[in-house]
Amino acid sequence: MDDLFRRLAEPQGESWRIAESDILREWSKSGSAAMDLLLQRGEEALDQGDTQAAIGHLTALTDHAPDFPAGFYTRAAAYAAAGQFGPAFQDLSRTLQLEPRHFPALTQLAIMLEETGDTERALAAFRESLAIHPHQQEAIDGVARLERQQDGTDI
């Protein structure tokens, strides 16, 4: 994984796209077909807008695979989609405890912090995410937006 993260941070070329895909694919593997199925069902429910079903599947996953970051990250997304930021923040925290380089969790954390008005911490989370994966457009845009806000140049 360290080599993938080095390639992810390369400033030139497009090899970072392959590294990003490989990292995300590795993170989606729990080592158990049953747990992978729960993740898949949770993601499908979330894609269909059924946050309660997603939370149910993903809670079963996190209960049975408490060391699998993807379960907590995906459940955080489901909680956030349901407007339940408290549990979403807890799940993002657990994700980052398990995998400190989880750049999607850092970006999601930044988005939620910005939505709750904590722009200083949101900017720090966006920057931390970009330090790991400098090509994330959502985080790049978030930093630019929050810096404009801080400078008073955001209209």
C-alpha atoms as a PDB file:
ATOM      1  CA  MET A   1       0.000   0.000   0.000  1.00  0.00           C
ATOM      2  CA  ASP A   2       2.853   2.414   0.708  1.00  0.00           C
ATOM      3  CA  ASP A   3       3.897   2.300  -2.948  1.00  0.00           C
ATOM      4  CA  LEU A   4       0.308   3.027  -4.006  1.00  0.00           C
ATOM      5  CA  PHE A   5       0.176   6.049  -1.708  1.00  0.00           C
ATOM      6  CA  ARG A   6       3.486   7.317  -3.120  1.00  0.00           C
ATOM      7  CA  ARG A   7       2.076   7.035  -6.649  1.00  0.00           C
ATOM      8  CA  LEU A   8      -1.152   8.697  -5.522  1.00  0.00           C
ATOM      9  CA  ALA A   9       0.777  11.786  -4.425  1.00  0.00           C
ATOM     10  CA  GLU A  10       2.827  12.136  -7.621  1.00  0.00           C
ATOM     11  CA  PRO A  11       2.363  15.625  -9.030  1.00  0.00           C
ATOM     12  CA  GLN A  12       2.869  14.668 -12.677  1.00  0.00           C
ATOM     13  CA  GLY A  13       1.225  12.165 -14.978  1.00  0.00           C
ATOM     14  CA  GLU A  14      -1.848  10.074 -14.563  1.00  0.00           C
ATOM     15  CA  SER A  15      -0.500   7.081 -12.617  1.00  0.00           C
ATOM     16  CA  TRP A  16      -2.229   8.492  -9.548  1.00  0.00           C
ATOM     17  CA  ARG A  17      -5.591   7.499 -11.060  1.00  0.00           C
ATOM     18  CA  ILE A  18      -4.566   3.835 -11.141  1.00  0.00           C
ATOM     19  CA  ALA A  19      -3.138   4.105  -7.624  1.00  0.00           C
ATOM     20  CA  GLU A  20      -6.394   5.674  -6.387  1.00  0.00           C
ATOM     21  CA  SER A  21      -8.444   2.887  -7.950  1.00  0.00           C
ATOM     22  CA  ASP A  22      -6.149   0.213  -6.499  1.00  0.00           C
ATOM     23  CA  ILE A  23      -6.293   1.756  -3.010  1.00  0.00           C
ATOM     24  CA  LEU A  24     -10.085   2.005  -3.058  1.00  0.00           C
ATOM     25  CA  ARG A  25     -10.347  -1.580  -4.298  1.00  0.00           C
ATOM     26  CA  GLU A  26      -8.047  -2.826  -1.518  1.00  0.00           C
ATOM     27  CA  TRP A  27     -10.010  -0.915   1.093  1.00  0.00           C
ATOM     28  CA  SER A  28     -13.244  -2.561  -0.069  1.00  0.00           C
ATOM     29  CA  LYS A  29     -11.954  -6.057   0.741  1.00  0.00           C
ATOM     30  CA  SER A  30     -12.744  -7.260   4.223  1.00  0.00           C
ATOM     31  CA  GLY A  31     -11.293 -10.729   3.819  1.00  0.00           C
ATOM     32  CA  SER A  32     -14.728 -12.285   4.268  1.00  0.00           C
ATOM     33  CA  ALA A  33     -17.243 -12.933   1.495  1.00  0.00           C
ATOM     34  CA  ALA A  34     -20.117 -12.449   3.951  1.00  0.00           C
ATOM     35  CA  MET A  35     -18.776  -9.083   5.134  1.00  0.00           C
ATOM     36  CA  ASP A  36     -18.107  -7.979   1.558  1.00  0.00           C
ATOM     37  CA  LEU A  37     -21.727  -8.826   0.753  1.00  0.00           C
ATOM     38  CA  LEU A  38     -22.958  -6.685   3.652  1.00  0.00           C
ATOM     39  CA  LEU A  39     -20.832  -3.797   2.369  1.00  0.00           C
ATOM     40  CA  GLN A  40     -22.220  -4.271  -1.133  1.00  0.00           C
ATOM     41  CA  ARG A  41     -25.805  -4.353   0.152  1.00  0.00           C
ATOM     42  CA  GLY A  42     -25.211  -1.239   2.238  1.00  0.00           C
ATOM     43  CA  GLU A  43     -23.717   0.605  -0.732  1.00  0.00           C
ATOM     44  CA  GLU A  44     -26.591  -0.461  -2.985  1.00  0.00           C
ATOM     45  CA  ALA A  45     -29.191   0.690  -0.455  1.00  0.00           C
ATOM     46  CA  LEU A  46     -27.375   4.002  -0.097  1.00  0.00           C
ATOM     47  CA  ASP A  47     -27.246   4.413  -3.889  1.00  0.00           C
ATOM     48  CA  GLN A  48     -31.003   3.815  -3.988  1.00  0.00           C
ATOM     49  CA  GLY A  49     -31.588   6.444  -1.303  1.00  0.00           C
ATOM     50  CA  ASP A  50     -32.699   3.939   1.330  1.00  0.00           C
ATOM     51  CA  THR A  51     -30.551   5.244   4.159  1.00  0.00           C
ATOM     52  CA  GLN A  52     -32.257   3.171   6.846  1.00  0.00           C
ATOM     53  CA  ALA A  53     -31.628  -0.099   5.004  1.00  0.00           C
ATOM     54  CA  ALA A  54     -28.052   1.019   4.335  1.00  0.00           C
ATOM     55  CA  ILE A  55     -27.511   1.803   8.009  1.00  0.00           C
ATOM     56  CA  GLY A  56     -28.960  -1.608   8.924  1.00  0.00           C
ATOM     57  CA  HIS A  57     -26.656  -3.540   6.596  1.00  0.00           C
ATOM     58  CA  LEU A  58     -23.644  -1.467   7.554  1.00  0.00           C
ATOM     59  CA  THR A  59     -24.341  -1.772  11.280  1.00  0.00           C
ATOM     60  CA  ALA A  60     -24.378  -5.544  10.874  1.00  0.00           C
ATOM     61  CA  LEU A  61     -21.068  -5.199   9.046  1.00  0.00           C
ATOM     62  CA  THR A  62     -19.418  -2.995  11.680  1.00  0.00           C
ATOM     63  CA  ASP A  63     -20.693  -5.280  14.452  1.00  0.00           C
ATOM     64  CA  HIS A  64     -19.126  -8.339  12.809  1.00  0.00           C
ATOM     65  CA  ALA A  65     -16.031  -6.644  11.347  1.00  0.00           C
ATOM     66  CA  PRO A  66     -15.062  -3.920  13.839  1.00  0.00           C
ATOM     67  CA  ASP A  67     -11.605  -3.487  12.274  1.00  0.00           C
ATOM     68  CA  PHE A  68     -12.834  -2.908   8.706  1.00  0.00           C
ATOM     69  CA  PRO A  69     -12.604   0.823   7.897  1.00  0.00           C
ATOM     70  CA  ALA A  70     -14.839   0.644   4.813  1.00  0.00           C
ATOM     71  CA  GLY A  71     -17.793  -0.429   6.937  1.00  0.00           C
ATOM     72  CA  PHE A  72     -17.514   2.601   9.192  1.00  0.00           C
ATOM     73  CA  TYR A  73     -16.803   4.986   6.317  1.00  0.00           C
ATOM     74  CA  THR A  74     -19.794   3.809   4.308  1.00  0.00           C
ATOM     75  CA  ARG A  75     -22.076   3.864   7.346  1.00  0.00           C
ATOM     76  CA  ALA A  76     -20.878   7.439   8.020  1.00  0.00           C
ATOM     77  CA  ALA A  77     -22.008   8.347   4.510  1.00  0.00           C
ATOM     78  CA  ALA A  78     -25.393   6.746   5.187  1.00  0.00           C
ATOM     79  CA  TYR A  79     -25.766   8.579   8.501  1.00  0.00           C
ATOM     80  CA  ALA A  80     -24.786  11.874   6.847  1.00  0.00           C
ATOM     81  CA  ALA A  81     -27.312  11.287   4.055  1.00  0.00           C
ATOM     82  CA  ALA A  82     -29.944  10.707   6.747  1.00  0.00           C
ATOM     83  CA  GLY A  83     -28.961  13.980   8.442  1.00  0.00           C
ATOM     84  CA  GLN A  84     -27.544  12.168  11.473  1.00  0.00           C
ATOM     85  CA  PHE A  85     -24.226  13.986  11.776  1.00  0.00           C
ATOM     86  CA  GLY A  86     -23.418  12.819  15.320  1.00  0.00           C
ATOM     87  CA  PRO A  87     -23.167   9.133  14.412  1.00  0.00           C
ATOM     88  CA  ALA A  88     -21.541  10.060  11.089  1.00  0.00           C
ATOM     89  CA  PHE A  89     -18.777  11.961  12.905  1.00  0.00           C
ATOM     90  CA  GLN A  90     -18.254   8.961  15.215  1.00  0.00           C
ATOM     91  CA  ASP A  91     -17.948   6.571  12.275  1.00  0.00           C
ATOM     92  CA  LEU A  92     -15.519   8.855  10.446  1.00  0.00           C
ATOM     93  CA  SER A  93     -13.434   9.028  13.598  1.00  0.00           C
ATOM     94  CA  ARG A  94     -13.350   5.230  13.801  1.00  0.00           C
ATOM     95  CA  THR A  95     -12.471   4.995  10.101  1.00  0.00           C
ATOM     96  CA  LEU A  96      -9.523   7.312  10.617  1.00  0.00           C
ATOM     97  CA  GLN A  97      -8.396   5.430  13.721  1.00  0.00           C
ATOM     98  CA  LEU A  98      -8.287   2.248  11.667  1.00  0.00           C
ATOM     99  CA  GLU A  99      -6.799   3.856   8.527  1.00  0.00           C
ATOM    100  CA  PRO A 100      -5.298   7.328   9.065  1.00  0.00           C
ATOM    101  CA  ARG A 101      -4.654   7.715   5.314  1.00  0.00           C
ATOM    102  CA  HIS A 102      -8.352   7.271   4.441  1.00  0.00           C
ATOM    103  CA  PHE A 103      -8.587  10.373   2.265  1.00  0.00           C
ATOM    104  CA  PRO A 104     -12.312   9.936   1.426  1.00  0.00           C
ATOM    105  CA  ALA A 105     -13.095   9.949   5.162  1.00  0.00           C
ATOM    106  CA  LEU A 106     -11.055  13.118   5.652  1.00  0.00           C
ATOM    107  CA  THR A 107     -12.838  14.800   2.760  1.00  0.00           C
ATOM    108  CA  GLN A 108     -16.251  13.701   4.068  1.00  0.00           C
ATOM    109  CA  LEU A 109     -15.277  14.981   7.516  1.00  0.00           C
ATOM    110  CA  ALA A 110     -14.317  18.335   5.996  1.00  0.00           C
ATOM    111  CA  ILE A 111     -17.616  18.576   4.127  1.00  0.00           C
ATOM    112  CA  MET A 112     -19.606  17.864   7.267  1.00  0.00           C
ATOM    113  CA  LEU A 113     -17.549  20.302   9.347  1.00  0.00           C
ATOM    114  CA  GLU A 114     -18.159  22.978   6.720  1.00  0.00           C
ATOM    115  CA  GLU A 115     -21.884  22.221   6.704  1.00  0.00           C
ATOM    116  CA  THR A 116     -22.004  22.607  10.485  1.00  0.00           C
ATOM    117  CA  GLY A 117     -20.160  25.937  10.319  1.00  0.00           C
ATOM    118  CA  ASP A 118     -16.778  24.778  11.638  1.00  0.00           C
ATOM    119  CA  THR A 119     -14.880  26.186   8.686  1.00  0.00           C
ATOM    120  CA  GLU A 120     -11.473  26.318  10.376  1.00  0.00           C
ATOM    121  CA  ARG A 121     -11.477  22.601  11.141  1.00  0.00           C
ATOM    122  CA  ALA A 122     -13.055  21.883   7.740  1.00  0.00           C
ATOM    123  CA  LEU A 123     -10.184  23.651   6.005  1.00  0.00           C
ATOM    124  CA  ALA A 124      -7.666  21.687   8.092  1.00  0.00           C
ATOM    125  CA  ALA A 125      -9.379  18.383   7.176  1.00  0.00           C
ATOM    126  CA  PHE A 126      -9.465  19.270   3.473  1.00  0.00           C
ATOM    127  CA  ARG A 127      -5.759  20.128   3.612  1.00  0.00           C
ATOM    128  CA  GLU A 128      -4.937  16.911   5.468  1.00  0.00           C
ATOM    129  CA  SER A 129      -6.826  14.931   2.838  1.00  0.00           C
ATOM    130  CA  LEU A 130      -4.981  16.714   0.036  1.00  0.00           C
ATOM    131  CA  ALA A 131      -1.641  15.969   1.691  1.00  0.00           C
ATOM    132  CA  ILE A 132      -2.462  12.287   1.125  1.00  0.00           C
ATOM    133  CA  HIS A 133      -4.223  12.600  -2.231  1.00  0.00           C
ATOM    134  CA  PRO A 134      -3.511  15.975  -3.863  1.00  0.00           C
ATOM    135  CA  HIS A 135      -5.692  15.289  -6.925  1.00  0.00           C
ATOM    136  CA  GLN A 136      -9.136  15.194  -5.242  1.00  0.00           C
ATOM    137  CA  GLN A 137     -11.187  17.840  -6.986  1.00  0.00           C
ATOM    138  CA  GLU A 138     -13.774  18.032  -4.204  1.00  0.00           C
ATOM    139  CA  ALA A 139     -11.065  18.760  -1.624  1.00  0.00           C
ATOM    140  CA  ILE A 140      -9.264  21.183  -3.946  1.00  0.00           C
ATOM    141  CA  ASP A 141     -12.532  23.064  -4.432  1.00  0.00           C
ATOM    142  CA  GLY A 142     -13.230  22.976  -0.684  1.00  0.00           C
ATOM    143  CA  VAL A 143      -9.855  24.513   0.171  1.00  0.00           C
ATOM    144  CA  ALA A 144     -10.282  27.224  -2.473  1.00  0.00           C
ATOM    145  CA  ARG A 145     -13.804  28.026  -1.276  1.00  0.00           C
ATOM    146  CA  LEU A 146     -12.851  28.200   2.398  1.00  0.00           C
ATOM    147  CA  GLU A 147      -9.698  30.215   1.726  1.00  0.00           C
ATOM    148  CA  ARG A 148     -11.756  32.742  -0.261  1.00  0.00           C
ATOM    149  CA  GLN A 149     -14.170  32.884   2.666  1.00  0.00           C
ATOM    150  CA  GLN A 150     -11.328  33.502   5.125  1.00  0.00           C
ATOM    151  CA  ASP A 151      -9.814  36.189   2.902  1.00  0.00           C
ATOM    152  CA  GLY A 152     -13.191  37.873   2.478  1.00  0.00           C
ATOM    153  CA  THR A 153     -13.056  37.452  -1.286  1.00  0.00           C
ATOM    154  CA  ASP A 154     -15.960  34.993  -1.440  1.00  0.00           C
ATOM    155  CA  ILE A 155     -19.075  36.711  -2.708  1.00  0.00           C
END
